[in-house]
Amino acid sequence: MDWEKRSGATFEADKTNVIHFPCCDPKVDKTPALVKGRPVQPKDCVKILGVMMDSKLKYRQHTAYAASKGLEAAMELKRFKGLSAATARQLFTATVIPTVDYASNVWMHACKDKLIGPVNRVQRTGAQEIVGTYLTVATSVAEA
């Protein structure tokens, strides 16, 4: 860790994760890296600055995590009764959207239709709560 000494940075072996991003070869070297004399096993998925990155950069775990946190926040809006649509929308915009949208410019490009379904469910739940519609109302009607 020559760079550590030159830059003045410090690394803790307990807090260090190793992940390989192979270019073409799907076989990944599972040899542990040594950090301050301690072996650190490579992982398939690590959390870096709040984004869960996997070795194939598909972001499946992060998409599921963001959608579950967003749905949890959207369901909290149901607890508030008697809010005007403007207030409910402001709460949705201030609490739910940042939860789902965090670092989306990093991971959204890798999302396919199947992965984006849970994120759309968050949007549908929020739209239903803002407008106050029944569960059977079409998403396009609730969003309009």
Foldseek 3Di string as FASTA:
>chain_A
DVVCVVVVHDDDLVPDAAEAQDDPDPDDDQFFDADPNDTHTHDQWDADPNQIAGNPLLSLVRLVVLLVVLQVQLVVLVVDPPDALVVLVVSNVVPRCCSNCPVCVRRVVNDDPVSCVSVVVSVQSSLCSSVVDDPPDDSVVSVD
